[in-house]
Amino acid sequence: MLMTDVIVKKREGEKLSAEEIKFVVDGYTRGEIPDYQMSALMMAILLRGMDREETLQLTMAMRDSGETLDLSAIKGVKADKHSTGGVGDKTSLILCPMVAAQGVKIAKMSGRGLGHTGGTIDKLESFPGFNTGISEEKFIENVNKFGIAIAGQTADLDPADKKMYALRDVTGTVPSIPLIVSSIMSKKLAAGADVIVLDVKSGSGSFMKTAEDAHELAENLTAVGKLAGKKTVAVITDMDEPLGNAIGNALEVKEAIEVLRGEKKGELLELCLTLGSCILTEAGIAADDAAARKMLEKGIEDGSALEKLAELVEGQEGDRRAVFDTSLLPQAPVQFEAVCDRTGYVKHICADEVGLVSMHLGGGRATKESVIDLSVGIILKKKVGDKVEAGESLGTIHAQSIEAAKKAAEMLNACYTVVPDPVEKPAFIKGIVR
């Protein structure tokens, strides 16, 4: 079999066989197929597409390119969650303890962030001493003991995706639904969960800019998950503004704790209740979404969800006291108000640009080698639909210096679109694909 023949076949819009797809993935992972040929094939896939069967075969070949997690030693139903990204997305910190408190096992592999803010792993390291690099044995032991563990992805998990993802980023082949689906689902399938729930973002702060594109991605993700034998649900949610109010690692951890304490309502809680309800119903823990929601709400009210977060932290060598006393989390020395220079109603907040403000402060990574400052970020005080007066604060900047804070305040002001007339806030949950 020749790589050139496979490239030409897809260039002409023909369907690739399972054998051809496996040949490509295995050869590229081993270094036998060069980047330039893989780039040509991925561009052909972007332009010509793949059907569901091809996408499934690509996903499975990528899954099998390295080790897969064997979770058979974990008793009960195992669930995993994935978000397609966004600014201020601290959902896993809330959702996973909520669901684990109801008896579903959370065995989650997460990555670090590259860009605006840290990933779930970075955020968890805001807890003093938290160890994201636990062994597979310890990972399984913790899930059996506490019902939850969240660790960093191992180097041997889905190595094909690591190579292909990096190549897509520099060859203009990122916006291909078959390549997005295979990238996400190969990692989720390699991680071994029984139930997979997907948070598919839609809007200016996400990769899928329209609800139609997000729905197409959600349908493809769930279809591949089901074809692979997994219970899979996708929830389409709004990302036309940052999620919640906090952007920045320790600040997002603090906001997550406020939600688990029952102190904070709004779209962040709504998202976690919706995703959590999908998990509990698919896992057979609840009869329907309404019953599941009541269970999750009770877990917040009785404190069991917050206690589950403390068990997660303690089980991975972190200081559980920080769950109950957030002053123990990293704190920036400077707090500075970003004052609005006009009166009106907030029509839009450019989520991507707000993410860049956090990155300017040191809360994100420009490269994989960048060191994140866990303490810095922004607390938004005004969201879409809110009225704002000139001289009012749009948000509090948490920074290492007054100079950095002032610059960030200017940048944050530019992220806001304020109009004279009242604004209707759009629906946050845009659809569920089962």
Protein backbone atom coordinates (compact mmCIF):
# COMPACT_ATOMS: atom_id res chain seq x y z
CA MET A 1 0.00 0.00 0.00
CA LEU A 2 1.30 3.48 -0.92
CA MET A 3 0.49 6.72 0.90
CA THR A 4 0.30 8.55 -2.43
CA ASP A 5 -2.52 6.24 -3.55
CA VAL A 6 -4.48 6.96 -0.37
CA ILE A 7 -4.02 10.72 -0.81
CA VAL A 8 -5.20 10.60 -4.44
CA LYS A 9 -8.20 8.42 -3.51
CA LYS A 10 -9.41 10.92 -0.91
CA ARG A 11 -8.56 13.86 -3.17
CA GLU A 12 -10.99 12.39 -5.71
CA GLY A 13 -13.67 12.13 -3.02
CA GLU A 14 -13.63 8.34 -2.69
CA LYS A 15 -14.23 6.44 0.53
CA LEU A 16 -11.16 5.09 2.34
CA SER A 17 -11.23 1.53 3.64
CA ALA A 18 -10.56 0.57 7.26
CA GLU A 19 -7.27 -1.01 6.14
CA GLU A 20 -6.14 2.17 4.38
CA ILE A 21 -7.00 4.34 7.39
CA LYS A 22 -5.16 2.01 9.79
CA PHE A 23 -2.14 1.97 7.43
CA VAL A 24 -2.02 5.79 7.50
CA VAL A 25 -2.46 6.20 11.26
CA ASP A 26 0.00 3.46 12.21
CA GLY A 27 2.59 4.62 9.66
CA TYR A 28 2.37 8.26 10.72
CA THR A 29 2.55 7.41 14.43
CA ARG A 30 5.70 5.32 13.85
CA GLY A 31 7.29 8.10 11.77
CA GLU A 32 7.24 6.11 8.53
CA ILE A 33 4.88 8.57 6.80
CA PRO A 34 6.29 12.12 6.63
CA ASP A 35 4.46 15.27 7.72
CA TYR A 36 4.08 16.56 4.16
CA GLN A 37 2.14 13.48 3.05
CA MET A 38 -0.04 13.49 6.16
CA SER A 39 -0.72 17.21 5.61
CA ALA A 40 -1.85 16.49 2.05
CA LEU A 41 -4.23 13.78 3.24
CA MET A 42 -5.69 15.93 6.00
CA MET A 43 -6.30 18.76 3.53
CA ALA A 44 -8.05 16.28 1.23
CA ILE A 45 -10.19 15.16 4.19
CA LEU A 46 -11.03 18.77 5.00
CA LEU A 47 -12.10 19.46 1.41
CA ARG A 48 -13.75 16.14 0.57
CA GLY A 49 -15.00 15.01 3.98
CA MET A 50 -15.49 11.55 5.45
CA ASP A 51 -18.67 9.58 6.06
CA ARG A 52 -19.59 8.18 9.51
CA GLU A 53 -17.95 4.81 8.86
CA GLU A 54 -14.67 6.43 7.77
CA THR A 55 -14.75 8.77 10.78
CA LEU A 56 -15.34 5.80 13.09
CA GLN A 57 -12.45 3.85 11.55
CA LEU A 58 -10.16 6.88 11.86
CA THR A 59 -11.21 7.30 15.50
CA MET A 60 -10.60 3.64 16.36
CA ALA A 61 -7.22 3.56 14.59
CA MET A 62 -6.13 6.64 16.55
CA ARG A 63 -7.44 5.12 19.80
CA ASP A 64 -5.43 1.97 19.15
CA SER A 65 -2.23 3.86 18.27
CA GLY A 66 -1.07 3.64 21.89
CA GLU A 67 -2.14 2.34 25.27
CA THR A 68 -5.77 2.32 26.39
CA LEU A 69 -6.92 2.53 29.98
CA ASP A 70 -8.36 -0.67 31.40
CA LEU A 71 -10.98 0.45 33.94
CA SER A 72 -12.43 -3.02 34.51
CA ALA A 73 -11.07 -3.00 38.06
CA ILE A 74 -13.34 -0.04 38.88
CA LYS A 75 -16.74 -1.13 40.20
CA GLY A 76 -19.81 0.60 38.81
CA VAL A 77 -20.57 2.83 35.83
CA LYS A 78 -17.66 5.03 34.70
CA ALA A 79 -18.36 8.44 33.14
CA ASP A 80 -16.21 11.00 31.35
CA LYS A 81 -16.85 14.53 30.11
CA HIS A 82 -15.30 16.66 27.38
CA SER A 83 -15.74 20.30 26.42
CA THR A 84 -14.84 21.67 23.00
CA GLY A 85 -13.29 24.66 24.77
CA GLY A 86 -14.14 28.18 25.78
CA VAL A 87 -13.22 31.03 28.08
CA GLY A 88 -13.95 30.66 31.79
CA ASP A 89 -14.83 26.98 31.41
CA LYS A 90 -14.40 25.43 34.85
CA THR A 91 -17.27 22.96 34.38
CA SER A 92 -15.32 19.79 35.26
CA LEU A 93 -14.47 21.18 38.71
CA ILE A 94 -18.20 21.36 39.49
CA LEU A 95 -19.75 18.61 37.39
CA CYS A 96 -17.42 15.77 38.31
CA PRO A 97 -17.89 16.06 42.11
CA MET A 98 -21.66 16.55 41.66
CA VAL A 99 -21.98 13.35 39.64
CA ALA A 100 -19.55 11.34 41.79
CA ALA A 101 -21.58 12.25 44.87
CA GLN A 102 -24.52 10.41 43.25
CA GLY A 103 -22.60 7.18 42.74
CA VAL A 104 -21.30 7.44 39.17
CA LYS A 105 -17.55 6.83 38.98
CA ILE A 106 -15.53 9.66 37.45
CA ALA A 107 -12.24 8.44 35.96
CA LYS A 108 -11.13 11.46 33.96
CA MET A 109 -7.97 12.16 32.01
CA SER A 110 -7.47 15.87 31.32
CA GLY A 111 -4.92 18.01 29.56
CA ARG A 112 -3.16 21.27 30.25
CA GLY A 113 -4.29 24.45 28.55
CA LEU A 114 -2.51 26.08 25.64
CA GLY A 115 -3.79 29.59 25.06
CA HIS A 116 -6.11 31.80 27.11
CA THR A 117 -6.13 30.00 30.47
CA GLY A 118 -5.02 26.73 31.93
CA GLY A 119 -6.82 23.43 31.44
CA THR A 120 -8.55 21.45 34.18
CA ILE A 121 -5.20 20.02 35.27
CA ASP A 122 -3.68 23.49 35.68
CA LYS A 123 -6.69 24.70 37.64
CA LEU A 124 -6.55 21.74 40.02
CA GLU A 125 -2.92 22.59 40.76
CA SER A 126 -4.24 25.75 42.43
CA PHE A 127 -4.87 23.45 45.40
CA PRO A 128 -1.58 23.35 47.35
CA GLY A 129 0.19 20.02 46.83
CA PHE A 130 -2.30 18.62 44.30
CA ASN A 131 -0.67 15.85 42.23
CA THR A 132 -1.96 15.43 38.68
CA GLY A 133 0.72 12.89 37.78
CA ILE A 134 -0.49 9.93 39.85
CA SER A 135 0.16 6.40 38.58
CA GLU A 136 -2.48 4.35 36.81
CA GLU A 137 -2.70 2.09 39.86
CA LYS A 138 -3.29 5.06 42.18
CA PHE A 139 -5.79 6.51 39.69
CA ILE A 140 -7.90 3.34 39.77
CA GLU A 141 -7.51 3.00 43.54
CA ASN A 142 -8.80 6.55 44.07
CA VAL A 143 -11.81 6.04 41.80
CA ASN A 144 -12.75 2.90 43.74
CA LYS A 145 -12.21 4.61 47.11
CA PHE A 146 -13.59 8.11 46.49
CA GLY A 147 -15.56 7.68 43.28
CA ILE A 148 -13.44 10.28 41.49
CA ALA A 149 -9.95 10.95 40.11
CA ILE A 150 -8.74 13.49 37.55
CA ALA A 151 -5.21 13.07 36.24
CA GLY A 152 -3.02 14.27 33.40
CA GLN A 153 -2.96 12.29 30.17
CA THR A 154 -0.11 9.83 29.85
CA ALA A 155 2.35 10.13 26.97
CA ASP A 156 1.29 6.70 25.70
CA LEU A 157 -2.43 7.53 25.42
CA ASP A 158 -3.44 8.20 21.79
CA PRO A 159 -0.01 9.27 20.42
CA ALA A 160 -1.50 9.55 16.90
CA ASP A 161 -3.72 12.40 18.02
CA LYS A 162 -0.82 14.29 19.59
CA LYS A 163 1.07 14.24 16.27
CA MET A 164 -1.96 14.91 14.09
CA TYR A 165 -3.30 17.70 16.31
CA ALA A 166 0.01 19.55 16.20
CA LEU A 167 0.16 19.17 12.40
CA ARG A 168 -3.44 20.36 11.90
CA ASP A 169 -2.65 23.51 13.85
CA VAL A 170 0.04 24.60 11.37
CA THR A 171 -1.49 23.39 8.09
CA GLY A 172 -4.92 25.06 8.12
CA THR A 173 -6.75 21.76 8.61
CA VAL A 174 -8.25 22.39 12.06
CA PRO A 175 -11.87 23.10 10.91
CA SER A 176 -12.63 19.60 9.60
CA ILE A 177 -15.46 17.82 11.42
CA PRO A 178 -14.10 14.27 10.78
CA LEU A 179 -10.70 15.34 12.14
CA ILE A 180 -12.26 17.13 15.14
CA VAL A 181 -14.48 14.15 15.93
CA SER A 182 -11.66 11.59 15.65
CA SER A 183 -9.38 13.77 17.80
CA ILE A 184 -11.93 14.12 20.62
CA MET A 185 -13.45 10.66 20.54
CA SER A 186 -10.20 8.70 20.14
CA LYS A 187 -8.98 10.18 23.45
CA LYS A 188 -12.31 9.60 25.18
CA LEU A 189 -12.50 5.98 23.95
CA ALA A 190 -8.89 5.33 24.98
CA ALA A 191 -9.77 6.56 28.48
CA GLY A 192 -12.22 3.68 28.92
CA ALA A 193 -15.45 5.27 30.27
CA ASP A 194 -18.91 3.72 29.79
CA VAL A 195 -20.77 7.05 29.49
CA ILE A 196 -19.41 10.09 27.64
CA VAL A 197 -21.02 13.52 27.86
CA LEU A 198 -19.84 16.26 25.52
CA ASP A 199 -20.21 20.02 26.01
CA VAL A 200 -20.19 21.44 22.47
CA LYS A 201 -19.70 25.22 22.53
CA SER A 202 -21.32 27.51 19.98
CA GLY A 203 -20.61 31.20 19.39
CA SER A 204 -17.87 33.78 18.98
CA GLY A 205 -15.80 32.43 21.89
CA SER A 206 -15.77 28.88 20.53
CA PHE A 207 -14.47 27.04 17.52
CA MET A 208 -17.96 26.38 16.12
CA LYS A 209 -19.22 29.90 15.44
CA THR A 210 -22.82 29.03 14.55
CA ALA A 211 -25.46 26.87 16.20
CA GLU A 212 -25.79 24.90 12.94
CA ASP A 213 -22.08 24.00 12.89
CA ALA A 214 -22.19 23.07 16.58
CA HIS A 215 -25.22 20.83 15.99
CA GLU A 216 -23.48 19.07 13.09
CA LEU A 217 -20.42 18.46 15.27
CA ALA A 218 -22.59 17.21 18.16
CA GLU A 219 -24.44 14.76 15.91
CA ASN A 220 -21.18 13.37 14.53
CA LEU A 221 -19.61 13.04 17.99
CA THR A 222 -22.59 11.16 19.44
CA ALA A 223 -22.92 8.94 16.35
CA VAL A 224 -19.28 7.84 16.53
CA GLY A 225 -19.56 7.29 20.29
CA LYS A 226 -22.58 5.05 19.84
CA LEU A 227 -21.00 3.15 16.94
CA ALA A 228 -18.05 2.50 19.27
CA GLY A 229 -20.44 1.04 21.86
CA LYS A 230 -20.50 3.95 24.31
CA LYS A 231 -23.49 5.81 25.72
CA THR A 232 -22.84 9.30 24.36
CA VAL A 233 -24.72 12.59 24.75
CA ALA A 234 -23.82 16.08 23.51
CA VAL A 235 -25.16 19.33 24.95
CA ILE A 236 -24.84 22.44 22.76
CA THR A 237 -24.20 25.57 24.83
CA ASP A 238 -23.60 29.25 24.28
CA MET A 239 -20.09 30.72 24.19
CA ASP A 240 -20.88 34.24 22.96
CA GLU A 241 -19.50 35.48 26.29
CA PRO A 242 -17.23 33.91 28.93
CA LEU A 243 -18.77 31.14 31.03
CA GLY A 244 -19.52 32.37 34.53
CA ASN A 245 -17.70 35.38 35.96
CA ALA A 246 -14.16 34.17 36.68
CA ILE A 247 -11.38 33.86 34.10
CA GLY A 248 -8.05 32.63 35.49
CA ASN A 249 -7.04 29.43 37.23
CA ALA A 250 -7.39 29.91 41.01
CA LEU A 251 -10.21 32.42 40.44
CA GLU A 252 -12.12 29.79 38.46
CA VAL A 253 -11.52 27.22 41.20
CA LYS A 254 -12.98 29.66 43.72
CA GLU A 255 -16.05 30.22 41.52
CA ALA A 256 -16.51 26.46 41.15
CA ILE A 257 -16.45 26.11 44.94
CA GLU A 258 -19.08 28.87 45.24
CA VAL A 259 -21.36 26.89 42.91
CA LEU A 260 -20.82 23.67 44.90
CA ARG A 261 -21.60 25.58 48.12
CA GLY A 262 -24.92 26.66 46.63
CA GLU A 263 -23.90 30.32 46.72
CA LYS A 264 -23.92 30.92 42.96
CA LYS A 265 -26.69 30.34 40.42
CA GLY A 266 -26.84 31.25 36.72
CA GLU A 267 -25.67 29.62 33.51
CA LEU A 268 -22.67 27.86 35.06
CA LEU A 269 -24.86 25.92 37.49
CA GLU A 270 -27.44 25.33 34.75
CA LEU A 271 -24.77 23.82 32.49
CA CYS A 272 -23.54 21.45 35.20
CA LEU A 273 -27.09 20.38 36.09
CA THR A 274 -27.86 19.71 32.42
CA LEU A 275 -24.65 17.75 31.75
CA GLY A 276 -24.98 15.93 35.08
CA SER A 277 -28.58 14.96 34.37
CA CYS A 278 -27.50 13.43 31.05
CA ILE A 279 -24.82 11.38 32.82
CA LEU A 280 -27.15 10.10 35.59
CA THR A 281 -29.89 9.08 33.16
CA GLU A 282 -27.47 7.37 30.73
CA ALA A 283 -25.83 5.59 33.69
CA GLY A 284 -29.20 4.29 34.87
CA ILE A 285 -28.95 6.13 38.21
CA ALA A 286 -32.02 8.29 37.49
CA ALA A 287 -35.22 7.52 35.57
CA ASP A 288 -35.21 10.82 33.68
CA ASP A 289 -33.61 14.25 33.54
CA ALA A 290 -36.03 15.76 36.05
CA ALA A 291 -35.28 13.11 38.67
CA ALA A 292 -31.55 13.43 37.96
CA ARG A 293 -31.66 17.20 38.42
CA LYS A 294 -33.31 16.82 41.84
CA MET A 295 -30.57 14.41 42.92
CA LEU A 296 -27.83 16.79 41.81
CA GLU A 297 -29.49 19.78 43.50
CA LYS A 298 -29.80 17.78 46.73
CA GLY A 299 -26.08 16.96 46.52
CA ILE A 300 -25.34 20.69 46.60
CA GLU A 301 -27.83 21.37 49.38
CA ASP A 302 -26.54 18.63 51.69
CA GLY A 303 -22.86 19.38 51.02
CA SER A 304 -22.01 15.96 49.57
CA ALA A 305 -20.88 17.43 46.21
CA LEU A 306 -18.48 19.84 47.94
CA GLU A 307 -17.18 17.04 50.15
CA LYS A 308 -16.55 14.96 47.02
CA LEU A 309 -14.32 17.76 45.67
CA ALA A 310 -12.43 17.72 48.99
CA GLU A 311 -11.97 13.94 48.66
CA LEU A 312 -10.64 14.38 45.12
CA VAL A 313 -8.11 16.95 46.34
CA GLU A 314 -7.07 14.94 49.40
CA GLY A 315 -6.83 11.71 47.40
CA GLN A 316 -4.28 13.34 45.10
CA GLU A 317 -2.09 14.79 47.87
CA GLY A 318 -3.68 18.25 47.87
CA ASP A 319 -4.72 20.37 50.84
CA ARG A 320 -8.46 19.71 51.31
CA ARG A 321 -8.72 22.73 53.63
CA ALA A 322 -8.57 24.99 50.55
CA VAL A 323 -11.96 23.62 49.46
CA PHE A 324 -13.49 25.13 52.57
CA ASP A 325 -11.17 28.13 52.95
CA THR A 326 -10.43 29.64 49.54
CA SER A 327 -7.96 32.13 51.04
CA LEU A 328 -5.51 29.19 50.87
CA LEU A 329 -5.65 29.30 47.05
CA PRO A 330 -3.07 31.43 45.17
CA GLN A 331 -3.91 35.15 45.32
CA ALA A 332 -2.53 38.00 43.20
CA PRO A 333 -1.20 41.05 45.11
CA VAL A 334 -3.02 43.66 42.99
CA GLN A 335 -6.79 44.06 42.47
CA PHE A 336 -7.83 46.84 40.09
CA GLU A 337 -11.26 47.83 38.78
CA ALA A 338 -11.83 48.12 35.02
CA VAL A 339 -14.13 51.14 34.91
CA CYS A 340 -16.67 51.50 32.09
CA ASP A 341 -16.48 54.75 30.13
CA ARG A 342 -20.09 54.70 28.86
CA THR A 343 -23.69 54.12 29.99
CA GLY A 344 -25.99 51.53 28.44
CA TYR A 345 -26.62 47.79 28.22
CA VAL A 346 -24.09 45.06 27.56
CA LYS A 347 -24.84 43.59 24.14
CA HIS A 348 -21.75 41.45 23.65
CA ILE A 349 -18.52 40.43 25.41
CA CYS A 350 -15.86 39.10 23.05
CA ALA A 351 -14.90 35.91 24.88
CA ASP A 352 -11.72 35.29 22.88
CA GLU A 353 -10.46 38.80 23.64
CA VAL A 354 -11.25 38.43 27.35
CA GLY A 355 -9.17 35.26 27.25
CA LEU A 356 -6.29 37.25 25.80
CA VAL A 357 -6.57 39.70 28.72
CA SER A 358 -6.05 36.78 31.11
CA MET A 359 -3.14 35.59 28.97
CA HIS A 360 -1.59 39.09 29.10
CA LEU A 361 -1.70 38.87 32.90
CA GLY A 362 0.07 35.48 32.84
CA GLY A 363 -2.94 33.20 33.26
CA GLY A 364 -2.40 31.26 30.02
CA ARG A 365 0.31 29.73 27.84
CA ALA A 366 1.68 31.20 24.63
CA THR A 367 3.79 28.04 24.18
CA LYS A 368 3.92 24.62 25.86
CA GLU A 369 6.97 25.81 27.81
CA SER A 370 5.22 28.88 29.28
CA VAL A 371 4.76 28.94 33.06
CA ILE A 372 1.24 29.85 34.20
CA ASP A 373 0.60 32.27 37.06
CA LEU A 374 -2.28 30.54 38.84
CA SER A 375 -3.27 33.64 40.83
CA VAL A 376 -4.05 36.18 38.09
CA GLY A 377 -7.17 36.77 36.03
CA ILE A 378 -10.44 38.65 35.88
CA ILE A 379 -13.75 38.62 37.76
CA LEU A 380 -16.43 39.98 35.43
CA LYS A 381 -19.06 42.14 37.13
CA LYS A 382 -21.20 42.75 34.06
CA LYS A 383 -22.55 40.12 31.66
CA VAL A 384 -24.68 40.27 28.50
CA GLY A 385 -28.04 41.97 29.18
CA ASP A 386 -26.82 43.85 32.27
CA LYS A 387 -27.19 47.62 32.58
CA VAL A 388 -23.96 49.53 33.20
CA GLU A 389 -23.37 53.16 34.17
CA ALA A 390 -20.33 55.20 33.16
CA GLY A 391 -17.88 54.94 36.04
CA GLU A 392 -19.12 51.49 37.10
CA SER A 393 -16.75 48.53 37.17
CA LEU A 394 -16.96 45.99 34.36
CA GLY A 395 -14.66 43.65 36.24
CA THR A 396 -11.89 43.28 38.79
CA ILE A 397 -8.40 42.65 37.44
CA HIS A 398 -6.18 40.37 39.57
CA ALA A 399 -2.55 41.05 38.63
CA GLN A 400 1.05 40.97 39.80
CA SER A 401 1.62 44.71 39.20
CA ILE A 402 -0.41 47.90 38.88
CA GLU A 403 1.06 48.46 35.40
CA ALA A 404 -0.16 45.06 34.19
CA ALA A 405 -3.55 45.67 35.82
CA LYS A 406 -4.05 49.06 34.13
CA LYS A 407 -3.19 47.63 30.72
CA ALA A 408 -5.57 44.71 31.32
CA ALA A 409 -8.34 47.13 32.33
CA GLU A 410 -7.99 48.96 29.00
CA MET A 411 -8.06 45.67 27.12
CA LEU A 412 -11.15 44.48 29.04
CA ASN A 413 -13.04 47.69 28.27
CA ALA A 414 -12.45 47.07 24.56
CA CYS A 415 -14.00 43.58 24.87
CA TYR A 416 -17.42 45.04 25.76
CA THR A 417 -20.07 46.25 23.32
CA VAL A 418 -22.45 48.60 25.18
CA VAL A 419 -25.60 49.89 23.46
CA PRO A 420 -28.26 52.44 24.52
CA ASP A 421 -31.27 50.08 24.48
CA PRO A 422 -32.02 47.04 26.63
CA VAL A 423 -30.67 43.70 25.36
CA GLU A 424 -32.37 40.31 25.55
CA LYS A 425 -30.04 37.57 26.74
CA PRO A 426 -30.02 34.57 24.34
CA ALA A 427 -30.83 31.02 25.44
CA PHE A 428 -27.81 29.36 27.05
CA ILE A 429 -28.64 25.69 26.37
CA LYS A 430 -29.10 25.46 22.60
CA GLY A 431 -29.87 21.78 22.28
CA ILE A 432 -29.20 18.21 23.43
CA VAL A 433 -28.23 15.43 21.01
CA ARG A 434 -28.76 11.92 22.34
